């Protein structure tokens, strides 16, 4: 790996950790470059600025596995991906945390909403298809994110203590209702 690629990788790794846990507006370029151990001018040189660096962290998000599952497995895979308990040590920089930290950000909130629409809602709508597909996809995502938020962030009794298998079964039950065709 060349020195410039190594420096870029350090910047992206530091930015991911900070942006994804604290939110875009709560992180300065100096915070990132200090964590990465590089000169602040390199953010502009390699990424065009703070926003470009944030977008570089978003480009690393892998596709949602549930979207590649068979039609019969779609709901189970979607539920599985949201049913695991939150481990702050292992999951500090996960996509869910990043979405929550940045969707309300005054500068990047719109970017995050567009990302969720383009990477989750639109592909899910295509997979569901049929009457009311857009609304049914939105309802399923609401169930998934809502349950995960209440379990992981609010640690709501009744959800926080469930095993991943128990929670997955509950999410599937709710997901079926969300996906029912409406005429």
Protein backbone atom coordinates (compact mmCIF):
# COMPACT_ATOMS: atom_id res chain seq x y z
CA UNK A 1 0.00 0.00 0.00
CA UNK A 2 1.40 3.40 -0.96
CA UNK A 3 1.88 6.11 1.64
CA UNK A 4 -1.04 8.14 0.24
CA UNK A 5 -3.34 5.09 0.32
CA UNK A 6 -2.22 4.34 3.87
CA UNK A 7 -2.92 7.94 4.90
CA UNK A 8 -6.32 7.88 3.21
CA UNK A 9 -7.16 4.63 4.98
CA UNK A 10 -6.14 6.12 8.34
CA UNK A 11 -8.30 9.17 7.72
CA UNK A 12 -11.32 7.11 6.70
CA UNK A 13 -10.94 4.79 9.70
CA UNK A 14 -10.66 7.71 12.13
CA UNK A 15 -13.53 9.56 10.44
CA UNK A 16 -15.73 6.46 10.52
CA UNK A 17 -15.18 6.00 14.23
CA UNK A 18 -15.86 9.63 15.06
CA UNK A 19 -18.61 10.52 12.55
CA UNK A 20 -20.45 7.25 13.10
CA UNK A 21 -20.54 7.55 16.88
CA UNK A 22 -20.69 11.30 17.54
CA UNK A 23 -22.37 12.67 14.41
CA UNK A 24 -21.03 14.82 11.60
CA UNK A 25 -21.54 18.24 13.20
CA UNK A 26 -19.99 17.13 16.48
CA UNK A 27 -16.68 16.20 14.87
CA UNK A 28 -14.02 18.57 13.55
CA UNK A 29 -11.39 17.92 10.93
CA UNK A 30 -8.81 18.40 13.68
CA UNK A 31 -10.50 15.66 15.75
CA UNK A 32 -10.17 13.27 12.82
CA UNK A 33 -6.64 14.18 11.81
CA UNK A 34 -5.52 14.07 15.43
CA UNK A 35 -6.91 10.55 15.79
CA UNK A 36 -5.34 9.52 12.47
CA UNK A 37 -2.03 11.20 13.30
CA UNK A 38 -1.85 13.15 10.05
CA UNK A 39 -1.83 16.78 8.94
CA UNK A 40 -5.26 18.46 8.66
CA UNK A 41 -4.49 19.74 5.14
CA UNK A 42 -4.62 16.15 3.87
CA UNK A 43 -8.40 16.02 4.33
CA UNK A 44 -8.81 18.68 1.65
CA UNK A 45 -6.11 17.14 -0.51
CA UNK A 46 -7.57 13.62 -0.54
CA UNK A 47 -11.29 14.21 0.02
CA UNK A 48 -12.00 17.85 -0.85
CA UNK A 49 -12.98 18.59 2.73
CA UNK A 50 -14.91 17.26 5.70
CA UNK A 51 -18.04 16.38 3.71
CA UNK A 52 -16.05 14.40 1.16
CA UNK A 53 -14.41 12.46 3.97
CA UNK A 54 -17.82 11.73 5.53
CA UNK A 55 -19.08 10.51 2.16
CA UNK A 56 -15.99 8.27 1.87
CA UNK A 57 -17.09 6.55 5.10
CA UNK A 58 -20.57 6.03 3.65
CA UNK A 59 -19.11 4.48 0.49
CA UNK A 60 -17.78 1.65 2.66
CA UNK A 61 -21.24 0.53 3.77
CA UNK A 62 -21.86 -2.97 2.42
CA UNK A 63 -25.19 -3.82 0.77
CA UNK A 64 -27.91 -5.06 3.12
CA UNK A 65 -27.78 -8.88 3.06
CA UNK A 66 -31.56 -9.20 3.29
CA UNK A 67 -31.92 -7.66 -0.17
CA UNK A 68 -30.04 -10.56 -1.77
CA UNK A 69 -32.08 -13.25 0.02
CA UNK A 70 -34.70 -15.28 -1.81
CA UNK A 71 -38.28 -14.00 -1.59
CA UNK A 72 -39.07 -16.71 0.96
CA UNK A 73 -36.12 -15.71 3.13
CA UNK A 74 -36.36 -11.91 2.80
CA UNK A 75 -38.30 -11.28 6.00
CA UNK A 76 -36.27 -13.75 8.07
CA UNK A 77 -32.97 -12.24 6.87
CA UNK A 78 -34.25 -8.71 7.50
CA UNK A 79 -35.36 -9.65 11.02
CA UNK A 80 -32.09 -11.45 11.70
CA UNK A 81 -30.06 -8.40 10.75
CA UNK A 82 -31.90 -6.26 13.33
CA UNK A 83 -32.35 -8.82 16.13
CA UNK A 84 -28.87 -9.00 17.63
CA UNK A 85 -28.27 -7.34 20.97
CA UNK A 86 -26.15 -4.20 20.97
CA UNK A 87 -22.61 -4.65 22.18
CA UNK A 88 -21.07 -1.19 22.67
CA UNK A 89 -17.55 -2.59 22.47
CA UNK A 90 -18.02 -4.51 19.23
CA UNK A 91 -20.66 -2.33 17.58
CA UNK A 92 -19.56 1.22 18.31
CA UNK A 93 -19.12 2.00 14.63
CA UNK A 94 -21.95 0.05 13.05
CA UNK A 95 -24.28 1.35 10.36
CA UNK A 96 -27.29 1.52 12.70
CA UNK A 97 -25.41 3.76 15.13
CA UNK A 98 -24.18 5.92 12.26
CA UNK A 99 -27.71 6.39 10.94
CA UNK A 100 -29.02 7.40 14.36
CA UNK A 101 -26.11 9.74 15.04
CA UNK A 102 -26.44 11.52 11.71
CA UNK A 103 -30.07 11.48 10.56
CA UNK A 104 -30.86 14.46 12.81
CA UNK A 105 -27.66 16.28 11.90
CA UNK A 106 -28.47 19.69 10.42
CA UNK A 107 -25.82 19.34 7.72
CA UNK A 108 -25.88 15.62 6.86
CA UNK A 109 -29.41 14.58 7.82
CA UNK A 110 -30.62 14.94 4.24
CA UNK A 111 -27.73 12.82 2.98
CA UNK A 112 -28.59 10.09 5.48
CA UNK A 113 -32.29 10.17 4.54
CA UNK A 114 -31.33 9.87 0.87
CA UNK A 115 -29.00 6.97 1.70
CA UNK A 116 -31.75 5.08 3.55
CA UNK A 117 -34.16 5.70 0.69
CA UNK A 118 -31.69 4.63 -2.02
CA UNK A 119 -29.99 1.71 -0.23
CA UNK A 120 -32.87 0.29 1.81
CA UNK A 121 -36.34 1.59 0.98
CA UNK A 122 -36.16 1.65 -2.83
CA UNK A 123 -34.56 -1.81 -3.24
CA UNK A 124 -36.94 -3.26 -0.65
CA UNK A 125 -39.90 -1.73 -2.51
CA UNK A 126 -38.73 -3.43 -5.73
CA UNK A 127 -38.35 -6.77 -3.92
CA UNK A 128 -41.84 -6.54 -2.37
CA UNK A 129 -43.55 -5.29 -5.53
CA UNK A 130 -47.32 -5.19 -5.98
CA UNK A 131 -49.97 -2.80 -4.67
CA UNK A 132 -48.76 -0.50 -1.93
CA UNK A 133 -45.18 -1.81 -2.14
CA UNK A 134 -43.64 1.54 -1.17
CA UNK A 135 -45.84 1.85 1.92
CA UNK A 136 -45.30 -1.79 2.91
CA UNK A 137 -41.52 -1.40 2.56
CA UNK A 138 -41.65 1.74 4.71
CA UNK A 139 -43.70 -0.06 7.35
CA UNK A 140 -41.29 -3.00 7.44
CA UNK A 141 -38.31 -0.66 7.83
CA UNK A 142 -40.21 1.16 10.59
CA UNK A 143 -40.71 -2.13 12.43
CA UNK A 144 -37.07 -3.11 12.01
CA UNK A 145 -35.59 0.22 13.03
CA UNK A 146 -38.16 0.82 15.76
CA UNK A 147 -37.56 -2.52 17.47
CA UNK A 148 -33.78 -2.13 17.18
CA UNK A 149 -33.91 1.43 18.54
CA UNK A 150 -36.04 0.44 21.52
CA UNK A 151 -33.85 -2.57 22.26
CA UNK A 152 -30.39 -1.12 21.68
CA UNK A 153 -30.66 2.54 22.57
CA UNK A 154 -33.55 2.73 25.00
CA UNK A 155 -32.91 -0.78 26.37
CA UNK A 156 -36.66 -1.08 26.84
CA UNK A 157 -37.72 -3.84 29.21
CA UNK A 158 -39.46 -6.59 27.30
CA UNK A 159 -37.07 -6.25 24.38
CA UNK A 160 -33.61 -5.79 25.87
CA UNK A 161 -33.61 -9.20 27.56
CA UNK A 162 -34.90 -11.25 24.64
CA UNK A 163 -32.54 -13.61 22.88
CA UNK A 164 -31.83 -12.83 19.22
CA UNK A 165 -33.96 -15.85 18.25
CA UNK A 166 -36.93 -14.68 20.34
CA UNK A 167 -36.68 -11.17 19.01
CA UNK A 168 -36.32 -12.39 15.45
CA UNK A 169 -39.55 -14.38 15.80
CA UNK A 170 -41.35 -11.27 17.08
CA UNK A 171 -39.96 -9.10 14.29
CA UNK A 172 -41.06 -11.66 11.70
CA UNK A 173 -44.57 -11.65 13.18
CA UNK A 174 -44.73 -7.85 13.02
CA UNK A 175 -43.05 -7.82 9.61
CA UNK A 176 -45.73 -10.09 8.14
CA UNK A 177 -48.39 -7.59 9.19
CA UNK A 178 -46.36 -4.74 7.68
CA UNK A 179 -45.98 -6.61 4.40
CA UNK A 180 -49.63 -7.64 4.00
CA UNK A 181 -51.11 -6.44 0.72
CA UNK A 182 -53.67 -3.69 1.06
CA UNK A 183 -56.24 -3.22 -1.62
